[in-house]
Amino acid sequence: MHKYSMLLISKNYLMELVKMLKAEYKAEGGKLIKVQMTKRGNKIDSIKITGDFFMHPEDLIDELEKALLGCLLNEDVIVETIERFIKDRGAVLLGAAPEDFAKCIIKAGGGDG
């Protein structure tokens, strides 16, 4: 096998491993949640959460994303992680609930929770 062939196989393998997963979910109140993430096995490897919901203070969304890294792709575990984060930080979430975020994350991860 040529060096170029090995490189191509490796690149394709790595691209498959780090495929960007995306989902959108509309919360009951009408607010939209968008998730872009990668996973490793059945855990969150990287995640970006956007949408028209509100979290106060606003800069906590970045910290929430960090808190979700390594989290098992299970709806109950994700809800518990988000609820604990909100309580510990004294954050206020408006327009969406932790369950809405979990549903969007599970949808992006390709599972049903």
N, C-alpha and C. Protein backbone atom coordinates (compact mmCIF):
# COMPACT_ATOMS: atom_id res chain seq x y z
N MET A 1 0.84 -1.17 0.00
CA MET A 1 0.00 0.00 0.00
C MET A 1 0.89 1.24 0.00
N HIS A 2 0.54 2.21 -0.78
CA HIS A 2 1.31 3.44 -0.89
C HIS A 2 1.08 4.34 0.32
N LYS A 3 2.06 5.20 0.55
CA LYS A 3 1.97 6.16 1.65
C LYS A 3 0.72 7.02 1.51
N TYR A 4 0.41 7.46 0.28
CA TYR A 4 -0.76 8.30 0.03
C TYR A 4 -2.05 7.56 0.39
N SER A 5 -2.12 6.28 0.05
CA SER A 5 -3.31 5.48 0.36
C SER A 5 -3.52 5.37 1.86
N MET A 6 -2.43 5.16 2.59
CA MET A 6 -2.52 5.08 4.05
C MET A 6 -3.01 6.39 4.63
N LEU A 7 -2.51 7.50 4.10
CA LEU A 7 -2.91 8.81 4.58
C LEU A 7 -4.39 9.03 4.32
N LEU A 8 -4.86 8.66 3.14
CA LEU A 8 -6.27 8.83 2.79
C LEU A 8 -7.16 7.98 3.69
N ILE A 9 -6.77 6.75 3.94
CA ILE A 9 -7.53 5.88 4.83
C ILE A 9 -7.57 6.48 6.23
N SER A 10 -6.44 6.96 6.71
CA SER A 10 -6.38 7.57 8.04
C SER A 10 -7.25 8.80 8.12
N LYS A 11 -7.19 9.64 7.09
CA LYS A 11 -7.98 10.87 7.08
C LYS A 11 -9.47 10.53 7.08
N ASN A 12 -9.89 9.59 6.26
CA ASN A 12 -11.30 9.20 6.23
C ASN A 12 -11.74 8.61 7.56
N TYR A 13 -10.88 7.82 8.18
CA TYR A 13 -11.18 7.23 9.47
C TYR A 13 -11.35 8.33 10.53
N LEU A 14 -10.44 9.30 10.54
CA LEU A 14 -10.53 10.39 11.50
C LEU A 14 -11.75 11.25 11.25
N MET A 15 -12.09 11.50 9.99
CA MET A 15 -13.27 12.29 9.68
C MET A 15 -14.52 11.60 10.21
N GLU A 16 -14.57 10.30 10.11
CA GLU A 16 -15.71 9.55 10.62
C GLU A 16 -15.77 9.65 12.15
N LEU A 17 -14.61 9.64 12.79
CA LEU A 17 -14.57 9.71 14.25
C LEU A 17 -15.02 11.05 14.79
N VAL A 18 -14.78 12.13 14.05
CA VAL A 18 -15.09 13.46 14.55
C VAL A 18 -16.20 14.14 13.75
N LYS A 19 -17.13 13.38 13.25
CA LYS A 19 -18.24 13.93 12.48
C LYS A 19 -19.06 14.90 13.34
N MET A 20 -19.32 16.09 12.79
CA MET A 20 -20.10 17.10 13.49
C MET A 20 -21.57 16.70 13.44
N LEU A 21 -22.18 16.60 14.59
CA LEU A 21 -23.59 16.23 14.71
C LEU A 21 -24.38 17.48 15.04
N LYS A 22 -25.55 17.63 14.42
CA LYS A 22 -26.35 18.85 14.61
C LYS A 22 -27.81 18.50 14.82
N ALA A 23 -28.49 19.35 15.59
CA ALA A 23 -29.93 19.20 15.77
C ALA A 23 -30.53 20.53 16.20
N GLU A 24 -31.82 20.66 15.93
CA GLU A 24 -32.60 21.80 16.41
C GLU A 24 -33.81 21.24 17.13
N TYR A 25 -34.25 21.97 18.16
CA TYR A 25 -35.41 21.54 18.93
C TYR A 25 -36.17 22.78 19.38
N LYS A 26 -37.47 22.79 19.15
CA LYS A 26 -38.29 23.92 19.57
C LYS A 26 -38.95 23.57 20.90
N ALA A 27 -38.64 24.37 21.92
CA ALA A 27 -39.20 24.17 23.26
C ALA A 27 -40.68 24.51 23.25
N GLU A 28 -41.38 24.05 24.27
CA GLU A 28 -42.83 24.26 24.36
C GLU A 28 -43.21 25.73 24.26
N GLY A 29 -42.41 26.61 24.83
CA GLY A 29 -42.67 28.05 24.77
C GLY A 29 -42.33 28.69 23.44
N GLY A 30 -41.84 27.90 22.48
CA GLY A 30 -41.53 28.40 21.15
C GLY A 30 -40.08 28.79 20.92
N LYS A 31 -39.26 28.73 21.96
CA LYS A 31 -37.85 29.08 21.81
C LYS A 31 -37.10 27.94 21.11
N LEU A 32 -36.17 28.32 20.24
CA LEU A 32 -35.40 27.36 19.46
C LEU A 32 -34.05 27.09 20.12
N ILE A 33 -33.70 25.82 20.22
CA ILE A 33 -32.40 25.40 20.73
C ILE A 33 -31.68 24.71 19.59
N LYS A 34 -30.41 25.08 19.37
CA LYS A 34 -29.58 24.45 18.34
C LYS A 34 -28.34 23.87 19.01
N VAL A 35 -27.99 22.66 18.62
CA VAL A 35 -26.81 21.99 19.16
C VAL A 35 -25.93 21.52 18.02
N GLN A 36 -24.64 21.80 18.14
CA GLN A 36 -23.61 21.21 17.28
C GLN A 36 -22.67 20.49 18.23
N MET A 37 -22.38 19.24 17.94
CA MET A 37 -21.56 18.47 18.86
C MET A 37 -20.81 17.36 18.16
N THR A 38 -19.83 16.84 18.84
CA THR A 38 -19.18 15.60 18.45
C THR A 38 -19.30 14.67 19.64
N LYS A 39 -19.22 13.39 19.36
CA LYS A 39 -19.27 12.43 20.46
C LYS A 39 -18.15 11.42 20.30
N ARG A 40 -17.77 10.86 21.40
CA ARG A 40 -16.77 9.79 21.42
C ARG A 40 -17.43 8.65 22.17
N GLY A 41 -17.71 7.60 21.44
CA GLY A 41 -18.49 6.52 22.04
C GLY A 41 -19.89 7.03 22.31
N ASN A 42 -20.33 6.95 23.55
CA ASN A 42 -21.65 7.43 23.94
C ASN A 42 -21.55 8.62 24.89
N LYS A 43 -20.48 9.43 24.69
CA LYS A 43 -20.28 10.60 25.54
C LYS A 43 -20.04 11.84 24.68
N ILE A 44 -20.40 12.99 25.23
CA ILE A 44 -20.21 14.26 24.54
C ILE A 44 -18.72 14.60 24.53
N ASP A 45 -18.18 14.82 23.33
CA ASP A 45 -16.76 15.15 23.18
C ASP A 45 -16.57 16.66 23.02
N SER A 46 -17.46 17.30 22.29
CA SER A 46 -17.47 18.76 22.15
C SER A 46 -18.91 19.18 21.91
N ILE A 47 -19.26 20.41 22.32
CA ILE A 47 -20.64 20.85 22.15
C ILE A 47 -20.71 22.36 22.08
N LYS A 48 -21.60 22.85 21.23
CA LYS A 48 -21.91 24.28 21.12
C LYS A 48 -23.42 24.40 21.13
N ILE A 49 -23.96 25.20 22.05
CA ILE A 49 -25.40 25.38 22.19
C ILE A 49 -25.73 26.83 21.84
N THR A 50 -26.66 27.01 20.90
CA THR A 50 -27.12 28.34 20.52
C THR A 50 -28.64 28.30 20.42
N GLY A 51 -29.23 29.46 20.17
CA GLY A 51 -30.67 29.53 20.00
C GLY A 51 -31.21 30.85 20.50
N ASP A 52 -32.55 30.94 20.59
CA ASP A 52 -33.16 32.18 21.03
C ASP A 52 -33.72 32.10 22.45
N PHE A 53 -33.22 31.17 23.24
CA PHE A 53 -33.53 31.07 24.66
C PHE A 53 -32.63 32.06 25.41
N PHE A 54 -32.88 32.23 26.69
CA PHE A 54 -32.06 33.14 27.49
C PHE A 54 -31.51 32.42 28.72
N MET A 55 -30.25 32.66 29.00
CA MET A 55 -29.63 32.21 30.25
C MET A 55 -28.96 33.43 30.85
N HIS A 56 -29.22 33.64 32.14
CA HIS A 56 -28.62 34.79 32.81
C HIS A 56 -27.80 34.29 33.98
N PRO A 57 -26.60 34.77 34.16
CA PRO A 57 -25.83 35.63 33.26
C PRO A 57 -25.50 34.92 31.94
N GLU A 58 -25.44 35.70 30.88
CA GLU A 58 -25.27 35.17 29.52
C GLU A 58 -23.98 34.38 29.32
N ASP A 59 -22.92 34.78 29.99
CA ASP A 59 -21.63 34.09 29.78
C ASP A 59 -21.61 32.68 30.36
N LEU A 60 -22.65 32.29 31.09
CA LEU A 60 -22.69 30.95 31.66
C LEU A 60 -22.94 29.85 30.63
N ILE A 61 -23.43 30.21 29.45
CA ILE A 61 -23.68 29.17 28.44
C ILE A 61 -22.36 28.48 28.06
N ASP A 62 -21.28 29.25 27.99
CA ASP A 62 -19.96 28.65 27.70
C ASP A 62 -19.55 27.68 28.81
N GLU A 63 -19.83 28.05 30.04
CA GLU A 63 -19.50 27.17 31.17
C GLU A 63 -20.39 25.92 31.17
N LEU A 64 -21.66 26.08 30.78
CA LEU A 64 -22.55 24.93 30.69
C LEU A 64 -22.03 23.95 29.65
N GLU A 65 -21.59 24.47 28.52
CA GLU A 65 -21.02 23.60 27.48
C GLU A 65 -19.83 22.81 28.04
N LYS A 66 -18.98 23.46 28.81
CA LYS A 66 -17.83 22.77 29.42
C LYS A 66 -18.30 21.72 30.42
N ALA A 67 -19.36 22.03 31.17
CA ALA A 67 -19.88 21.08 32.16
C ALA A 67 -20.45 19.83 31.50
N LEU A 68 -20.89 19.95 30.26
CA LEU A 68 -21.48 18.81 29.54
C LEU A 68 -20.43 17.91 28.88
N LEU A 69 -19.19 18.37 28.78
CA LEU A 69 -18.15 17.55 28.15
C LEU A 69 -17.94 16.26 28.95
N GLY A 70 -17.93 15.16 28.25
CA GLY A 70 -17.76 13.86 28.89
C GLY A 70 -19.05 13.27 29.43
N CYS A 71 -20.13 14.03 29.32
CA CYS A 71 -21.42 13.58 29.84
C CYS A 71 -21.97 12.45 28.97
N LEU A 72 -22.53 11.45 29.62
CA LEU A 72 -23.15 10.32 28.93
C LEU A 72 -24.34 10.81 28.12
N LEU A 73 -24.50 10.32 26.91
CA LEU A 73 -25.63 10.69 26.06
C LEU A 73 -26.88 9.93 26.51
N ASN A 74 -27.39 10.37 27.64
CA ASN A 74 -28.58 9.82 28.25
C ASN A 74 -29.40 11.00 28.75
N GLU A 75 -30.68 11.04 28.39
CA GLU A 75 -31.50 12.21 28.70
C GLU A 75 -31.53 12.52 30.19
N ASP A 76 -31.72 11.52 31.03
CA ASP A 76 -31.77 11.76 32.48
C ASP A 76 -30.46 12.31 33.02
N VAL A 77 -29.35 11.79 32.55
CA VAL A 77 -28.03 12.25 32.99
C VAL A 77 -27.80 13.69 32.55
N ILE A 78 -28.19 14.02 31.33
CA ILE A 78 -28.01 15.38 30.82
C ILE A 78 -28.88 16.36 31.59
N VAL A 79 -30.15 16.01 31.83
CA VAL A 79 -31.05 16.88 32.60
C VAL A 79 -30.46 17.12 33.99
N GLU A 80 -30.00 16.07 34.64
CA GLU A 80 -29.42 16.20 35.98
C GLU A 80 -28.19 17.10 35.97
N THR A 81 -27.35 16.95 34.96
CA THR A 81 -26.14 17.78 34.83
C THR A 81 -26.51 19.25 34.67
N ILE A 82 -27.50 19.53 33.81
CA ILE A 82 -27.92 20.92 33.58
C ILE A 82 -28.59 21.50 34.82
N GLU A 83 -29.46 20.74 35.46
CA GLU A 83 -30.13 21.23 36.68
C GLU A 83 -29.12 21.53 37.78
N ARG A 84 -28.15 20.66 37.96
CA ARG A 84 -27.11 20.88 38.97
C ARG A 84 -26.29 22.13 38.63
N PHE A 85 -25.96 22.30 37.35
CA PHE A 85 -25.21 23.48 36.91
C PHE A 85 -25.98 24.75 37.22
N ILE A 86 -27.27 24.79 36.88
CA ILE A 86 -28.10 25.97 37.11
C ILE A 86 -28.18 26.29 38.61
N LYS A 87 -28.39 25.27 39.41
CA LYS A 87 -28.49 25.46 40.87
C LYS A 87 -27.16 25.95 41.44
N ASP A 88 -26.07 25.31 41.07
CA ASP A 88 -24.76 25.67 41.61
C ASP A 88 -24.32 27.07 41.22
N ARG A 89 -24.69 27.53 40.03
CA ARG A 89 -24.26 28.84 39.53
C ARG A 89 -25.29 29.94 39.82
N GLY A 90 -26.46 29.57 40.31
CA GLY A 90 -27.51 30.57 40.53
C GLY A 90 -28.00 31.16 39.22
N ALA A 91 -27.95 30.36 38.16
CA ALA A 91 -28.34 30.83 36.83
C ALA A 91 -29.86 30.83 36.68
N VAL A 92 -30.33 31.62 35.74
CA VAL A 92 -31.74 31.67 35.39
C VAL A 92 -31.86 31.29 33.92
N LEU A 93 -32.72 30.33 33.64
CA LEU A 93 -32.95 29.86 32.28
C LEU A 93 -34.36 30.25 31.89
N LEU A 94 -34.51 31.01 30.79
CA LEU A 94 -35.81 31.49 30.34
C LEU A 94 -36.11 31.00 28.92
N GLY A 95 -37.32 30.52 28.71
CA GLY A 95 -37.75 30.12 27.37
C GLY A 95 -37.50 28.66 27.05
N ALA A 96 -36.81 27.96 27.92
CA ALA A 96 -36.53 26.54 27.71
C ALA A 96 -36.19 25.92 29.06
N ALA A 97 -36.39 24.63 29.15
CA ALA A 97 -36.10 23.88 30.38
C ALA A 97 -34.92 22.94 30.14
N PRO A 98 -34.30 22.46 31.21
CA PRO A 98 -33.22 21.49 31.04
C PRO A 98 -33.63 20.29 30.17
N GLU A 99 -34.88 19.87 30.29
CA GLU A 99 -35.37 18.75 29.48
C GLU A 99 -35.33 19.06 27.99
N ASP A 100 -35.59 20.33 27.63
CA ASP A 100 -35.54 20.73 26.22
C ASP A 100 -34.12 20.64 25.67
N PHE A 101 -33.16 21.08 26.47
CA PHE A 101 -31.76 20.98 26.05
C PHE A 101 -31.36 19.52 25.89
N ALA A 102 -31.77 18.69 26.84
CA ALA A 102 -31.43 17.26 26.79
C ALA A 102 -32.02 16.61 25.54
N LYS A 103 -33.26 16.94 25.21
CA LYS A 103 -33.88 16.36 24.01
C LYS A 103 -33.13 16.75 22.75
N CYS A 104 -32.69 18.00 22.68
CA CYS A 104 -31.94 18.46 21.51
C CYS A 104 -30.58 17.77 21.43
N ILE A 105 -29.91 17.62 22.56
CA ILE A 105 -28.61 16.96 22.59
C ILE A 105 -28.73 15.50 22.18
N ILE A 106 -29.74 14.82 22.71
CA ILE A 106 -29.97 13.42 22.36
C ILE A 106 -30.29 13.29 20.87
N LYS A 107 -31.10 14.22 20.36
CA LYS A 107 -31.43 14.22 18.93
C LYS A 107 -30.16 14.38 18.09
N ALA A 108 -29.30 15.31 18.48
CA ALA A 108 -28.04 15.52 17.75
C ALA A 108 -27.16 14.28 17.81
N GLY A 109 -27.14 13.64 18.97
CA GLY A 109 -26.30 12.46 19.17
C GLY A 109 -26.81 11.22 18.46
N GLY A 110 -27.99 11.33 17.86
CA GLY A 110 -28.53 10.22 17.09
C GLY A 110 -29.22 9.16 17.92
N GLY A 111 -29.53 9.49 19.16
CA GLY A 111 -30.18 8.51 20.02
C GLY A 111 -31.55 8.96 20.45
N ASP A 112 -32.18 8.12 21.26
CA ASP A 112 -33.50 8.46 21.77
C ASP A 112 -33.49 8.61 23.28
N GLY A 113 -32.29 8.67 23.86
CA GLY A 113 -32.16 8.95 25.28
C GLY A 113 -32.08 7.75 26.12
